[in-house]
Amino acid sequence: MTVANRYASEFRVTCEDREVNGKSILELMTLCAPVESTLKLWASGVDAEALVGEVAGVVETGFGEL
């Protein structure tokens, strides 16, 4: 289970002019976001703030691979 799927809120990720469902690994892969690209994260729902905070932390730490 991914981090985002632990939350009830809707979650979206944008890179350049493309926006996808942040809870779908297949849709995230279609972003083809190069290293050091800017991602915009947003969520709406009861736990939206916690969702964005946790996902941002995972991204900032290199998905646990840095």
PDB file of N, CA and C in Angstrom:
ATOM      1  N   MET A   1       0.852  -1.187   0.000  1.00  0.00           N
ATOM      2  CA  MET A   1       0.000   0.000   0.000  1.00  0.00           C
ATOM      3  C   MET A   1       0.893   1.245   0.000  1.00  0.00           C
ATOM      4  N   THR A   2       0.565   2.211  -0.830  1.00  0.00           N
ATOM      5  CA  THR A   2       1.341   3.440  -0.867  1.00  0.00           C
ATOM      6  C   THR A   2       0.937   4.368   0.263  1.00  0.00           C
ATOM      7  N   VAL A   3       1.780   5.322   0.544  1.00  0.00           N
ATOM      8  CA  VAL A   3       1.510   6.301   1.596  1.00  0.00           C
ATOM      9  C   VAL A   3       0.181   7.004   1.335  1.00  0.00           C
ATOM     10  N   ALA A   4      -0.025   7.476   0.120  1.00  0.00           N
ATOM     11  CA  ALA A   4      -1.228   8.241  -0.204  1.00  0.00           C
ATOM     12  C   ALA A   4      -2.509   7.437  -0.006  1.00  0.00           C
ATOM     13  N   ASN A   5      -2.447   6.147  -0.246  1.00  0.00           N
ATOM     14  CA  ASN A   5      -3.654   5.327  -0.127  1.00  0.00           C
ATOM     15  C   ASN A   5      -4.083   5.093   1.316  1.00  0.00           C
ATOM     16  N   ARG A   6      -3.277   5.496   2.272  1.00  0.00           N
ATOM     17  CA  ARG A   6      -3.677   5.395   3.677  1.00  0.00           C
ATOM     18  C   ARG A   6      -4.642   6.508   4.074  1.00  0.00           C
ATOM     19  N   TYR A   7      -4.836   7.465   3.187  1.00  0.00           N
ATOM     20  CA  TYR A   7      -5.664   8.631   3.486  1.00  0.00           C
ATOM     21  C   TYR A   7      -6.958   8.606   2.677  1.00  0.00           C
ATOM     22  N   ALA A   8      -7.985   9.219   3.218  1.00  0.00           N
ATOM     23  CA  ALA A   8      -9.294   9.257   2.563  1.00  0.00           C
ATOM     24  C   ALA A   8      -9.395  10.361   1.508  1.00  0.00           C
ATOM     25  N   SER A   9      -8.599  11.399   1.631  1.00  0.00           N
ATOM     26  CA  SER A   9      -8.697  12.563   0.749  1.00  0.00           C
ATOM     27  C   SER A   9      -8.319  12.250  -0.689  1.00  0.00           C
ATOM     28  N   GLU A  10      -8.870  13.038  -1.600  1.00  0.00           N
ATOM     29  CA  GLU A  10      -8.462  12.984  -3.001  1.00  0.00           C
ATOM     30  C   GLU A  10      -7.061  13.577  -3.076  1.00  0.00           C
ATOM     31  N   PHE A  11      -6.206  13.022  -3.928  1.00  0.00           N
ATOM     32  CA  PHE A  11      -4.823  13.477  -4.020  1.00  0.00           C
ATOM     33  C   PHE A  11      -4.425  13.610  -5.477  1.00  0.00           C
ATOM     34  N   ARG A  12      -3.885  14.767  -5.852  1.00  0.00           N
ATOM     35  CA  ARG A  12      -3.478  15.034  -7.231  1.00  0.00           C
ATOM     36  C   ARG A  12      -2.027  15.502  -7.246  1.00  0.00           C
ATOM     37  N   VAL A  13      -1.319  15.174  -8.330  1.00  0.00           N
ATOM     38  CA  VAL A  13       0.068  15.593  -8.519  1.00  0.00           C
ATOM     39  C   VAL A  13       0.180  16.215  -9.905  1.00  0.00           C
ATOM     40  N   THR A  14       0.859  17.358  -9.974  1.00  0.00           N
ATOM     41  CA  THR A  14       1.052  18.062 -11.237  1.00  0.00           C
ATOM     42  C   THR A  14       2.545  18.239 -11.494  1.00  0.00           C
ATOM     43  N   CYS A  15       2.938  18.005 -12.736  1.00  0.00           N
ATOM     44  CA  CYS A  15       4.303  18.281 -13.197  1.00  0.00           C
ATOM     45  C   CYS A  15       4.169  18.960 -14.549  1.00  0.00           C
ATOM     46  N   GLU A  16       4.699  20.174 -14.622  1.00  0.00           N
ATOM     47  CA  GLU A  16       4.544  21.007 -15.806  1.00  0.00           C
ATOM     48  C   GLU A  16       3.069  21.172 -16.115  1.00  0.00           C
ATOM     49  N   ASP A  17       2.578  20.722 -17.257  1.00  0.00           N
ATOM     50  CA  ASP A  17       1.168  20.936 -17.603  1.00  0.00           C
ATOM     51  C   ASP A  17       0.336  19.662 -17.484  1.00  0.00           C
ATOM     52  N   ARG A  18       0.863  18.650 -16.808  1.00  0.00           N
ATOM     53  CA  ARG A  18       0.161  17.368 -16.692  1.00  0.00           C
ATOM     54  C   ARG A  18      -0.223  17.105 -15.245  1.00  0.00           C
ATOM     55  N   GLU A  19      -1.480  16.747 -15.028  1.00  0.00           N
ATOM     56  CA  GLU A  19      -1.992  16.454 -13.683  1.00  0.00           C
ATOM     57  C   GLU A  19      -2.552  15.041 -13.645  1.00  0.00           C
ATOM     58  N   VAL A  20      -2.219  14.309 -12.565  1.00  0.00           N
ATOM     59  CA  VAL A  20      -2.674  12.921 -12.450  1.00  0.00           C
ATOM     60  C   VAL A  20      -3.166  12.622 -11.039  1.00  0.00           C
ATOM     61  N   ASN A  21      -3.822  11.484 -10.909  1.00  0.00           N
ATOM     62  CA  ASN A  21      -4.262  10.968  -9.624  1.00  0.00           C
ATOM     63  C   ASN A  21      -3.019  10.508  -8.865  1.00  0.00           C
ATOM     64  N   GLY A  22      -2.731  11.127  -7.728  1.00  0.00           N
ATOM     65  CA  GLY A  22      -1.550  10.809  -6.947  1.00  0.00           C
ATOM     66  C   GLY A  22      -1.626   9.484  -6.219  1.00  0.00           C
ATOM     67  N   LYS A  23      -2.769   8.835  -6.247  1.00  0.00           N
ATOM     68  CA  LYS A  23      -2.909   7.529  -5.604  1.00  0.00           C
ATOM     69  C   LYS A  23      -2.732   6.384  -6.600  1.00  0.00           C
ATOM     70  N   SER A  24      -2.497   6.709  -7.843  1.00  0.00           N
ATOM     71  CA  SER A  24      -2.334   5.689  -8.889  1.00  0.00           C
ATOM     72  C   SER A  24      -0.883   5.659  -9.357  1.00  0.00           C
ATOM     73  N   ILE A  25      -0.166   4.579  -9.067  1.00  0.00           N
ATOM     74  CA  ILE A  25       1.224   4.467  -9.490  1.00  0.00           C
ATOM     75  C   ILE A  25       1.337   4.513 -11.011  1.00  0.00           C
ATOM     76  N   LEU A  26       0.377   3.940 -11.716  1.00  0.00           N
ATOM     77  CA  LEU A  26       0.427   3.975 -13.178  1.00  0.00           C
ATOM     78  C   LEU A  26       0.288   5.395 -13.712  1.00  0.00           C
ATOM     79  N   GLU A  27      -0.620   6.168 -13.127  1.00  0.00           N
ATOM     80  CA  GLU A  27      -0.779   7.551 -13.567  1.00  0.00           C
ATOM     81  C   GLU A  27       0.445   8.377 -13.200  1.00  0.00           C
ATOM     82  N   LEU A  28       1.014   8.149 -12.025  1.00  0.00           N
ATOM     83  CA  LEU A  28       2.222   8.875 -11.630  1.00  0.00           C
ATOM     84  C   LEU A  28       3.362   8.603 -12.598  1.00  0.00           C
ATOM     85  N   MET A  29       3.473   7.376 -13.061  1.00  0.00           N
ATOM     86  CA  MET A  29       4.532   7.035 -14.010  1.00  0.00           C
ATOM     87  C   MET A  29       4.372   7.788 -15.331  1.00  0.00           C
ATOM     88  N   THR A  30       3.142   8.126 -15.702  1.00  0.00           N
ATOM     89  CA  THR A  30       2.920   8.847 -16.957  1.00  0.00           C
ATOM     90  C   THR A  30       3.407  10.291 -16.887  1.00  0.00           C
ATOM     91  N   LEU A  31       3.695  10.787 -15.692  1.00  0.00           N
ATOM     92  CA  LEU A  31       4.219  12.144 -15.568  1.00  0.00           C
ATOM     93  C   LEU A  31       5.613  12.259 -16.188  1.00  0.00           C
ATOM     94  N   CYS A  32       6.373  11.161 -16.158  1.00  0.00           N
ATOM     95  CA  CYS A  32       7.746  11.165 -16.687  1.00  0.00           C
ATOM     96  C   CYS A  32       8.527  12.358 -16.147  1.00  0.00           C
ATOM     97  N   ALA A  33       8.411  12.604 -14.858  1.00  0.00           N
ATOM     98  CA  ALA A  33       9.049  13.755 -14.223  1.00  0.00           C
ATOM     99  C   ALA A  33      10.556  13.514 -14.095  1.00  0.00           C
ATOM    100  N   PRO A  34      11.362  14.343 -14.760  1.00  0.00           N
ATOM    101  CA  PRO A  34      12.811  14.171 -14.653  1.00  0.00           C
ATOM    102  C   PRO A  34      13.313  14.550 -13.253  1.00  0.00           C
ATOM    103  N   VAL A  35      14.505  14.101 -12.930  1.00  0.00           N
ATOM    104  CA  VAL A  35      15.120  14.439 -11.643  1.00  0.00           C
ATOM    105  C   VAL A  35      15.158  15.957 -11.496  1.00  0.00           C
ATOM    106  N   GLU A  36      14.861  16.424 -10.304  1.00  0.00           N
ATOM    107  CA  GLU A  36      14.846  17.844  -9.937  1.00  0.00           C
ATOM    108  C   GLU A  36      13.717  18.636 -10.589  1.00  0.00           C
ATOM    109  N   SER A  37      12.706  17.965 -11.138  1.00  0.00           N
ATOM    110  CA  SER A  37      11.552  18.699 -11.650  1.00  0.00           C
ATOM    111  C   SER A  37      10.694  19.143 -10.467  1.00  0.00           C
ATOM    112  N   THR A  38       9.855  20.116 -10.699  1.00  0.00           N
ATOM    113  CA  THR A  38       8.972  20.632  -9.661  1.00  0.00           C
ATOM    114  C   THR A  38       7.638  19.909  -9.727  1.00  0.00           C
ATOM    115  N   LEU A  39       7.252  19.329  -8.601  1.00  0.00           N
ATOM    116  CA  LEU A  39       5.954  18.673  -8.491  1.00  0.00           C
ATOM    117  C   LEU A  39       5.050  19.524  -7.624  1.00  0.00           C
ATOM    118  N   LYS A  40       3.803  19.639  -8.009  1.00  0.00           N
ATOM    119  CA  LYS A  40       2.807  20.320  -7.188  1.00  0.00           C
ATOM    120  C   LYS A  40       1.874  19.257  -6.632  1.00  0.00           C
ATOM    121  N   LEU A  41       1.725  19.240  -5.324  1.00  0.00           N
ATOM    122  CA  LEU A  41       0.876  18.269  -4.643  1.00  0.00           C
ATOM    123  C   LEU A  41      -0.324  18.990  -4.070  1.00  0.00           C
ATOM    124  N   TRP A  42      -1.505  18.414  -4.240  1.00  0.00           N
ATOM    125  CA  TRP A  42      -2.677  18.983  -3.570  1.00  0.00           C
ATOM    126  C   TRP A  42      -3.659  17.881  -3.244  1.00  0.00           C
ATOM    127  N   ALA A  43      -4.386  18.130  -2.200  1.00  0.00           N
ATOM    128  CA  ALA A  43      -5.388  17.161  -1.763  1.00  0.00           C
ATOM    129  C   ALA A  43      -6.604  17.899  -1.252  1.00  0.00           C
ATOM    130  N   SER A  44      -7.734  17.223  -1.282  1.00  0.00           N
ATOM    131  CA  SER A  44      -8.948  17.787  -0.701  1.00  0.00           C
ATOM    132  C   SER A  44      -9.666  16.686   0.065  1.00  0.00           C
ATOM    133  N   GLY A  45     -10.096  17.033   1.261  1.00  0.00           N
ATOM    134  CA  GLY A  45     -10.781  16.068   2.106  1.00  0.00           C
ATOM    135  C   GLY A  45     -10.410  16.261   3.564  1.00  0.00           C
ATOM    136  N   VAL A  46     -10.905  15.367   4.388  1.00  0.00           N
ATOM    137  CA  VAL A  46     -10.763  15.509   5.839  1.00  0.00           C
ATOM    138  C   VAL A  46      -9.327  15.416   6.326  1.00  0.00           C
ATOM    139  N   ASP A  47      -8.480  14.665   5.640  1.00  0.00           N
ATOM    140  CA  ASP A  47      -7.099  14.497   6.078  1.00  0.00           C
ATOM    141  C   ASP A  47      -6.096  15.017   5.041  1.00  0.00           C
ATOM    142  N   ALA A  48      -6.525  16.001   4.262  1.00  0.00           N
ATOM    143  CA  ALA A  48      -5.732  16.522   3.153  1.00  0.00           C
ATOM    144  C   ALA A  48      -4.383  17.079   3.608  1.00  0.00           C
ATOM    145  N   GLU A  49      -4.370  17.850   4.659  1.00  0.00           N
ATOM    146  CA  GLU A  49      -3.122  18.470   5.112  1.00  0.00           C
ATOM    147  C   GLU A  49      -2.098  17.414   5.531  1.00  0.00           C
ATOM    148  N   ALA A  50      -2.542  16.416   6.264  1.00  0.00           N
ATOM    149  CA  ALA A  50      -1.645  15.338   6.688  1.00  0.00           C
ATOM    150  C   ALA A  50      -1.138  14.550   5.483  1.00  0.00           C
ATOM    151  N   LEU A  51      -1.993  14.300   4.527  1.00  0.00           N
ATOM    152  CA  LEU A  51      -1.630  13.562   3.320  1.00  0.00           C
ATOM    153  C   LEU A  51      -0.525  14.286   2.560  1.00  0.00           C
ATOM    154  N   VAL A  52      -0.735  15.555   2.259  1.00  0.00           N
ATOM    155  CA  VAL A  52       0.264  16.319   1.509  1.00  0.00           C
ATOM    156  C   VAL A  52       1.569  16.407   2.298  1.00  0.00           C
ATOM    157  N   GLY A  53       1.474  16.614   3.606  1.00  0.00           N
ATOM    158  CA  GLY A  53       2.677  16.693   4.430  1.00  0.00           C
ATOM    159  C   GLY A  53       3.493  15.417   4.401  1.00  0.00           C
ATOM    160  N   GLU A  54       2.845  14.281   4.525  1.00  0.00           N
ATOM    161  CA  GLU A  54       3.577  13.022   4.536  1.00  0.00           C
ATOM    162  C   GLU A  54       4.175  12.709   3.160  1.00  0.00           C
ATOM    163  N   VAL A  55       3.410  12.913   2.100  1.00  0.00           N
ATOM    164  CA  VAL A  55       3.926  12.643   0.759  1.00  0.00           C
ATOM    165  C   VAL A  55       5.078  13.594   0.432  1.00  0.00           C
ATOM    166  N   ALA A  56       4.958  14.847   0.783  1.00  0.00           N
ATOM    167  CA  ALA A  56       6.042  15.807   0.546  1.00  0.00           C
ATOM    168  C   ALA A  56       7.311  15.347   1.259  1.00  0.00           C
ATOM    169  N   GLY A  57       7.173  14.841   2.457  1.00  0.00           N
ATOM    170  CA  GLY A  57       8.329  14.339   3.195  1.00  0.00           C
ATOM    171  C   GLY A  57       8.993  13.174   2.486  1.00  0.00           C
ATOM    172  N   VAL A  58       8.201  12.277   1.943  1.00  0.00           N
ATOM    173  CA  VAL A  58       8.736  11.121   1.216  1.00  0.00           C
ATOM    174  C   VAL A  58       9.492  11.601  -0.035  1.00  0.00           C
ATOM    175  N   VAL A  59       8.924  12.554  -0.758  1.00  0.00           N
ATOM    176  CA  VAL A  59       9.557  13.070  -1.966  1.00  0.00           C
ATOM    177  C   VAL A  59      10.852  13.788  -1.612  1.00  0.00           C
ATOM    178  N   GLU A  60      10.819  14.638  -0.597  1.00  0.00           N
ATOM    179  CA  GLU A  60      11.996  15.407  -0.193  1.00  0.00           C
ATOM    180  C   GLU A  60      13.156  14.536   0.248  1.00  0.00           C
ATOM    181  N   THR A  61      12.869  13.357   0.758  1.00  0.00           N
ATOM    182  CA  THR A  61      13.938  12.458   1.198  1.00  0.00           C
ATOM    183  C   THR A  61      14.329  11.448   0.119  1.00  0.00           C
ATOM    184  N   GLY A  62      13.924  11.721  -1.114  1.00  0.00           N
ATOM    185  CA  GLY A  62      14.331  10.877  -2.239  1.00  0.00           C
ATOM    186  C   GLY A  62      13.681   9.514  -2.247  1.00  0.00           C
ATOM    187  N   PHE A  63      12.456   9.434  -1.720  1.00  0.00           N
ATOM    188  CA  PHE A  63      11.705   8.182  -1.707  1.00  0.00           C
ATOM    189  C   PHE A  63      12.445   7.087  -0.948  1.00  0.00           C
ATOM    190  N   GLY A  64      13.247   7.516   0.043  1.00  0.00           N
ATOM    191  CA  GLY A  64      14.006   6.566   0.846  1.00  0.00           C
ATOM    192  C   GLY A  64      15.212   5.975   0.151  1.00  0.00           C
ATOM    193  N   GLU A  65      15.590   6.563  -0.996  1.00  0.00           N
ATOM    194  CA  GLU A  65      16.708   6.013  -1.756  1.00  0.00           C
ATOM    195  C   GLU A  65      17.935   6.898  -1.752  1.00  0.00           C
ATOM    196  N   LEU A  66      17.877   8.061  -1.145  1.00  0.00           N
ATOM    197  CA  LEU A  66      19.050   8.948  -1.121  1.00  0.00           C
ATOM    198  C   LEU A  66      19.892   8.703   0.104  1.00  0.00           C
TER     199      LEU A  66
END
